[in-house]
Amino acid sequence: MSPYRIVFGKVCHLPELEKLYLEAYKNTRNYKKKVKQFHDNRILRKEFIVVSNGYFYILLAINYVSRWVEAIATKTNDAKVVMDFLKFNIFYRFGMSKALISN
């Protein structure tokens, strides 16, 4: 009788099964390594555009009905800049609105 277990009347080929298991494990490790390398290369090659002239923020006003859009670039996002934008670009042109929606 074989030193290996008998299953369903047949001798299990444990060394062969173990070899297949180890090969599958190596293949998955290699696959994960290649995918990670591909992903990292894609990320590292990205070039990010430098902010132009120190402007970090974009204020945007949109009227969804008339599809009117107004945008300005600003260096800060404080209340004074926002109020000046609203005052000069919206209130002086169109008058006071019933509602301002902020996202």
N, C-alpha and C. Protein backbone atom coordinates (compact mmCIF):
# COMPACT_ATOMS: atom_id res chain seq x y z
N MET A 1 0.84 -1.18 0.00
CA MET A 1 0.00 0.00 0.00
C MET A 1 0.88 1.24 0.00
N SER A 2 0.41 2.26 -0.62
CA SER A 2 1.14 3.50 -0.76
C SER A 2 1.19 4.25 0.57
N PRO A 3 2.24 5.04 0.80
CA PRO A 3 2.29 5.82 2.03
C PRO A 3 1.30 6.99 2.03
N TYR A 4 0.71 7.28 0.87
CA TYR A 4 -0.26 8.37 0.78
C TYR A 4 -1.66 7.83 1.02
N ARG A 5 -2.57 8.75 1.39
CA ARG A 5 -3.95 8.34 1.69
C ARG A 5 -4.65 7.79 0.47
N ILE A 6 -5.53 6.84 0.70
CA ILE A 6 -6.33 6.31 -0.39
C ILE A 6 -7.69 6.99 -0.34
N VAL A 7 -8.07 7.65 -1.44
CA VAL A 7 -9.35 8.35 -1.51
C VAL A 7 -10.12 7.75 -2.67
N PHE A 8 -11.35 7.36 -2.40
CA PHE A 8 -12.21 6.74 -3.40
C PHE A 8 -11.53 5.58 -4.11
N GLY A 9 -10.78 4.82 -3.38
CA GLY A 9 -10.15 3.65 -3.93
C GLY A 9 -8.92 3.93 -4.78
N LYS A 10 -8.48 5.19 -4.85
CA LYS A 10 -7.32 5.55 -5.65
C LYS A 10 -6.29 6.24 -4.76
N VAL A 11 -5.06 6.11 -5.14
CA VAL A 11 -3.99 6.75 -4.39
C VAL A 11 -3.94 8.23 -4.78
N CYS A 12 -3.98 9.11 -3.78
CA CYS A 12 -3.85 10.54 -4.06
C CYS A 12 -2.42 10.86 -4.42
N HIS A 13 -2.27 11.69 -5.37
CA HIS A 13 -0.94 12.10 -5.78
C HIS A 13 -0.62 13.43 -5.09
N LEU A 14 -0.35 13.35 -3.80
CA LEU A 14 -0.11 14.55 -3.02
C LEU A 14 1.07 15.37 -3.50
N PRO A 15 2.19 14.75 -3.87
CA PRO A 15 3.29 15.59 -4.36
C PRO A 15 2.93 16.36 -5.63
N GLU A 16 2.17 15.73 -6.52
CA GLU A 16 1.76 16.42 -7.74
C GLU A 16 0.80 17.56 -7.43
N LEU A 17 -0.14 17.31 -6.51
CA LEU A 17 -1.08 18.36 -6.12
C LEU A 17 -0.35 19.53 -5.45
N GLU A 18 0.62 19.19 -4.62
CA GLU A 18 1.38 20.24 -3.95
C GLU A 18 2.18 21.05 -4.98
N LYS A 19 2.73 20.38 -5.98
CA LYS A 19 3.48 21.06 -7.02
C LYS A 19 2.56 22.01 -7.80
N LEU A 20 1.35 21.55 -8.16
CA LEU A 20 0.40 22.41 -8.85
C LEU A 20 0.01 23.61 -8.00
N TYR A 21 -0.17 23.36 -6.70
CA TYR A 21 -0.53 24.45 -5.79
C TYR A 21 0.58 25.50 -5.74
N LEU A 22 1.83 25.05 -5.64
CA LEU A 22 2.95 25.99 -5.57
C LEU A 22 3.11 26.77 -6.87
N GLU A 23 2.90 26.11 -8.01
CA GLU A 23 2.98 26.81 -9.29
C GLU A 23 1.88 27.87 -9.41
N ALA A 24 0.67 27.52 -8.98
CA ALA A 24 -0.43 28.48 -9.02
C ALA A 24 -0.12 29.67 -8.11
N TYR A 25 0.45 29.40 -6.95
CA TYR A 25 0.80 30.47 -6.02
C TYR A 25 1.86 31.39 -6.64
N LYS A 26 2.87 30.81 -7.27
CA LYS A 26 3.91 31.61 -7.92
C LYS A 26 3.33 32.44 -9.06
N ASN A 27 2.43 31.83 -9.84
CA ASN A 27 1.82 32.55 -10.96
C ASN A 27 1.00 33.74 -10.47
N THR A 28 0.25 33.56 -9.38
CA THR A 28 -0.54 34.68 -8.87
C THR A 28 0.37 35.78 -8.34
N ARG A 29 1.45 35.40 -7.68
CA ARG A 29 2.39 36.42 -7.19
C ARG A 29 3.00 37.19 -8.35
N ASN A 30 3.39 36.48 -9.40
CA ASN A 30 3.96 37.15 -10.58
C ASN A 30 2.94 38.06 -11.24
N TYR A 31 1.69 37.59 -11.35
CA TYR A 31 0.63 38.40 -11.96
C TYR A 31 0.40 39.67 -11.15
N LYS A 32 0.30 39.53 -9.83
CA LYS A 32 0.08 40.70 -8.99
C LYS A 32 1.24 41.68 -9.09
N LYS A 33 2.45 41.16 -9.17
CA LYS A 33 3.63 42.01 -9.27
C LYS A 33 3.62 42.79 -10.59
N LYS A 34 3.27 42.11 -11.69
CA LYS A 34 3.24 42.77 -12.99
C LYS A 34 2.13 43.83 -13.05
N VAL A 35 0.97 43.52 -12.51
CA VAL A 35 -0.14 44.48 -12.51
C VAL A 35 0.22 45.70 -11.67
N LYS A 36 0.83 45.48 -10.52
CA LYS A 36 1.24 46.59 -9.66
C LYS A 36 2.28 47.46 -10.36
N GLN A 37 3.23 46.84 -11.03
CA GLN A 37 4.26 47.59 -11.75
C GLN A 37 3.64 48.41 -12.88
N PHE A 38 2.71 47.82 -13.62
CA PHE A 38 2.02 48.54 -14.70
C PHE A 38 1.25 49.73 -14.14
N HIS A 39 0.53 49.50 -13.04
CA HIS A 39 -0.26 50.56 -12.41
C HIS A 39 0.65 51.68 -11.90
N ASP A 40 1.74 51.32 -11.24
CA ASP A 40 2.66 52.33 -10.71
C ASP A 40 3.31 53.14 -11.83
N ASN A 41 3.65 52.48 -12.92
CA ASN A 41 4.23 53.21 -14.06
C ASN A 41 3.25 54.21 -14.63
N ARG A 42 1.98 53.84 -14.69
CA ARG A 42 0.97 54.76 -15.20
C ARG A 42 0.82 55.97 -14.29
N ILE A 43 0.89 55.75 -12.98
CA ILE A 43 0.75 56.85 -12.04
C ILE A 43 1.99 57.74 -12.06
N LEU A 44 3.17 57.16 -12.08
CA LEU A 44 4.40 57.94 -12.01
C LEU A 44 4.61 58.80 -13.25
N ARG A 45 4.06 58.41 -14.37
CA ARG A 45 4.25 59.18 -15.60
C ARG A 45 3.28 60.34 -15.73
N LYS A 46 2.33 60.44 -14.82
CA LYS A 46 1.37 61.54 -14.89
C LYS A 46 2.09 62.86 -14.64
N GLU A 47 1.76 63.85 -15.42
CA GLU A 47 2.30 65.18 -15.22
C GLU A 47 1.17 66.08 -14.79
N PHE A 48 1.34 66.72 -13.65
CA PHE A 48 0.33 67.61 -13.14
C PHE A 48 0.68 69.04 -13.52
N ILE A 49 -0.31 69.75 -13.99
CA ILE A 49 -0.10 71.11 -14.45
C ILE A 49 0.10 72.02 -13.25
N VAL A 50 1.12 72.84 -13.32
CA VAL A 50 1.40 73.78 -12.24
C VAL A 50 0.35 74.88 -12.28
N VAL A 51 -0.05 75.33 -11.11
CA VAL A 51 -1.06 76.38 -11.02
C VAL A 51 -0.52 77.64 -11.69
N SER A 52 -1.34 78.26 -12.54
CA SER A 52 -0.86 79.41 -13.30
C SER A 52 -0.94 80.69 -12.48
N ASN A 53 0.17 81.34 -12.35
CA ASN A 53 0.28 82.65 -11.69
C ASN A 53 -0.23 82.66 -10.26
N GLY A 54 -0.21 81.55 -9.58
CA GLY A 54 -0.61 81.51 -8.18
C GLY A 54 -2.10 81.39 -7.95
N TYR A 55 -2.90 81.20 -8.99
CA TYR A 55 -4.35 81.04 -8.81
C TYR A 55 -4.66 79.59 -8.47
N PHE A 56 -5.31 79.41 -7.33
CA PHE A 56 -5.60 78.06 -6.85
C PHE A 56 -7.07 77.68 -6.97
N TYR A 57 -7.97 78.64 -7.05
CA TYR A 57 -9.40 78.37 -7.00
C TYR A 57 -10.09 78.94 -8.22
N ILE A 58 -11.21 78.32 -8.58
CA ILE A 58 -12.04 78.80 -9.67
C ILE A 58 -13.44 79.00 -9.12
N LEU A 59 -13.91 80.25 -9.17
CA LEU A 59 -15.30 80.54 -8.79
C LEU A 59 -16.15 80.46 -10.04
N LEU A 60 -17.28 79.79 -9.93
CA LEU A 60 -18.10 79.51 -11.09
C LEU A 60 -19.55 79.84 -10.77
N ALA A 61 -20.19 80.60 -11.65
CA ALA A 61 -21.61 80.91 -11.52
C ALA A 61 -22.31 80.40 -12.77
N ILE A 62 -23.41 79.67 -12.57
CA ILE A 62 -24.13 79.06 -13.69
C ILE A 62 -25.62 79.33 -13.54
N ASN A 63 -26.25 79.74 -14.63
CA ASN A 63 -27.70 79.82 -14.69
C ASN A 63 -28.14 78.64 -15.56
N TYR A 64 -28.80 77.68 -14.95
CA TYR A 64 -29.14 76.45 -15.65
C TYR A 64 -30.21 76.65 -16.72
N VAL A 65 -31.07 77.64 -16.56
CA VAL A 65 -32.14 77.86 -17.52
C VAL A 65 -31.58 78.46 -18.81
N SER A 66 -30.82 79.55 -18.68
CA SER A 66 -30.30 80.21 -19.88
C SER A 66 -28.94 79.67 -20.30
N ARG A 67 -28.38 78.78 -19.50
CA ARG A 67 -27.06 78.18 -19.75
C ARG A 67 -25.95 79.23 -19.80
N TRP A 68 -26.09 80.22 -18.94
CA TRP A 68 -25.08 81.26 -18.81
C TRP A 68 -24.03 80.80 -17.81
N VAL A 69 -22.76 81.00 -18.13
CA VAL A 69 -21.67 80.58 -17.26
C VAL A 69 -20.70 81.74 -17.08
N GLU A 70 -20.28 81.95 -15.85
CA GLU A 70 -19.26 82.96 -15.55
C GLU A 70 -18.24 82.31 -14.62
N ALA A 71 -16.97 82.45 -14.93
CA ALA A 71 -15.92 81.84 -14.11
C ALA A 71 -14.75 82.80 -13.97
N ILE A 72 -14.15 82.81 -12.77
CA ILE A 72 -12.93 83.58 -12.55
C ILE A 72 -11.97 82.73 -11.72
N ALA A 73 -10.69 82.95 -11.92
CA ALA A 73 -9.67 82.27 -11.11
C ALA A 73 -9.28 83.20 -9.97
N THR A 74 -9.14 82.64 -8.77
CA THR A 74 -8.78 83.44 -7.60
C THR A 74 -7.63 82.79 -6.85
N LYS A 75 -6.94 83.61 -6.06
CA LYS A 75 -5.83 83.09 -5.27
C LYS A 75 -6.29 82.58 -3.91
N THR A 76 -7.39 83.11 -3.41
CA THR A 76 -7.93 82.65 -2.11
C THR A 76 -9.40 82.35 -2.28
N ASN A 77 -9.96 81.68 -1.29
CA ASN A 77 -11.39 81.38 -1.34
C ASN A 77 -12.11 81.97 -0.13
N ASP A 78 -11.72 83.17 0.27
CA ASP A 78 -12.35 83.79 1.43
C ASP A 78 -13.63 84.51 1.03
N ALA A 79 -14.36 85.00 2.02
CA ALA A 79 -15.67 85.59 1.80
C ALA A 79 -15.59 86.87 0.97
N LYS A 80 -14.55 87.66 1.15
CA LYS A 80 -14.43 88.92 0.41
C LYS A 80 -14.34 88.67 -1.10
N VAL A 81 -13.56 87.71 -1.49
CA VAL A 81 -13.41 87.39 -2.92
C VAL A 81 -14.74 86.91 -3.50
N VAL A 82 -15.44 86.07 -2.77
CA VAL A 82 -16.72 85.55 -3.24
C VAL A 82 -17.75 86.67 -3.36
N MET A 83 -17.80 87.55 -2.36
CA MET A 83 -18.77 88.65 -2.42
C MET A 83 -18.45 89.62 -3.56
N ASP A 84 -17.18 89.91 -3.78
CA ASP A 84 -16.81 90.77 -4.91
C ASP A 84 -17.22 90.13 -6.23
N PHE A 85 -17.01 88.83 -6.35
CA PHE A 85 -17.41 88.12 -7.56
C PHE A 85 -18.92 88.21 -7.77
N LEU A 86 -19.68 87.97 -6.71
CA LEU A 86 -21.13 88.05 -6.83
C LEU A 86 -21.58 89.47 -7.15
N LYS A 87 -20.99 90.44 -6.47
CA LYS A 87 -21.40 91.82 -6.65
C LYS A 87 -21.14 92.30 -8.08
N PHE A 88 -19.93 92.11 -8.57
CA PHE A 88 -19.57 92.67 -9.88
C PHE A 88 -20.04 91.83 -11.06
N ASN A 89 -20.17 90.53 -10.89
CA ASN A 89 -20.53 89.68 -12.03
C ASN A 89 -21.99 89.27 -12.07
N ILE A 90 -22.69 89.36 -10.96
CA ILE A 90 -24.08 88.91 -10.95
C ILE A 90 -25.03 90.04 -10.56
N PHE A 91 -24.83 90.62 -9.38
CA PHE A 91 -25.79 91.61 -8.88
C PHE A 91 -25.83 92.86 -9.76
N TYR A 92 -24.68 93.36 -10.20
CA TYR A 92 -24.67 94.56 -11.03
C TYR A 92 -25.25 94.30 -12.41
N ARG A 93 -25.11 93.09 -12.92
CA ARG A 93 -25.64 92.76 -14.24
C ARG A 93 -27.12 92.44 -14.22
N PHE A 94 -27.52 91.57 -13.28
CA PHE A 94 -28.87 91.01 -13.31
C PHE A 94 -29.75 91.43 -12.14
N GLY A 95 -29.22 92.15 -11.17
CA GLY A 95 -29.99 92.51 -9.99
C GLY A 95 -29.96 91.38 -8.98
N MET A 96 -30.68 91.57 -7.89
CA MET A 96 -30.70 90.56 -6.82
C MET A 96 -31.50 89.34 -7.28
N SER A 97 -31.01 88.19 -6.92
CA SER A 97 -31.71 86.96 -7.28
C SER A 97 -32.52 86.47 -6.08
N LYS A 98 -33.48 85.60 -6.35
CA LYS A 98 -34.31 85.05 -5.27
C LYS A 98 -33.54 84.05 -4.43
N ALA A 99 -32.64 83.31 -5.06
CA ALA A 99 -31.92 82.27 -4.32
C ALA A 99 -30.52 82.10 -4.90
N LEU A 100 -29.59 81.80 -4.02
CA LEU A 100 -28.24 81.41 -4.41
C LEU A 100 -28.01 80.01 -3.89
N ILE A 101 -27.64 79.10 -4.76
CA ILE A 101 -27.41 77.71 -4.36
C ILE A 101 -25.92 77.45 -4.42
N SER A 102 -25.37 76.94 -3.32
CA SER A 102 -23.94 76.68 -3.23
C SER A 102 -23.70 75.19 -3.09
N ASN A 103 -22.74 74.67 -3.81
CA ASN A 103 -22.37 73.26 -3.69
C ASN A 103 -21.02 73.15 -3.07
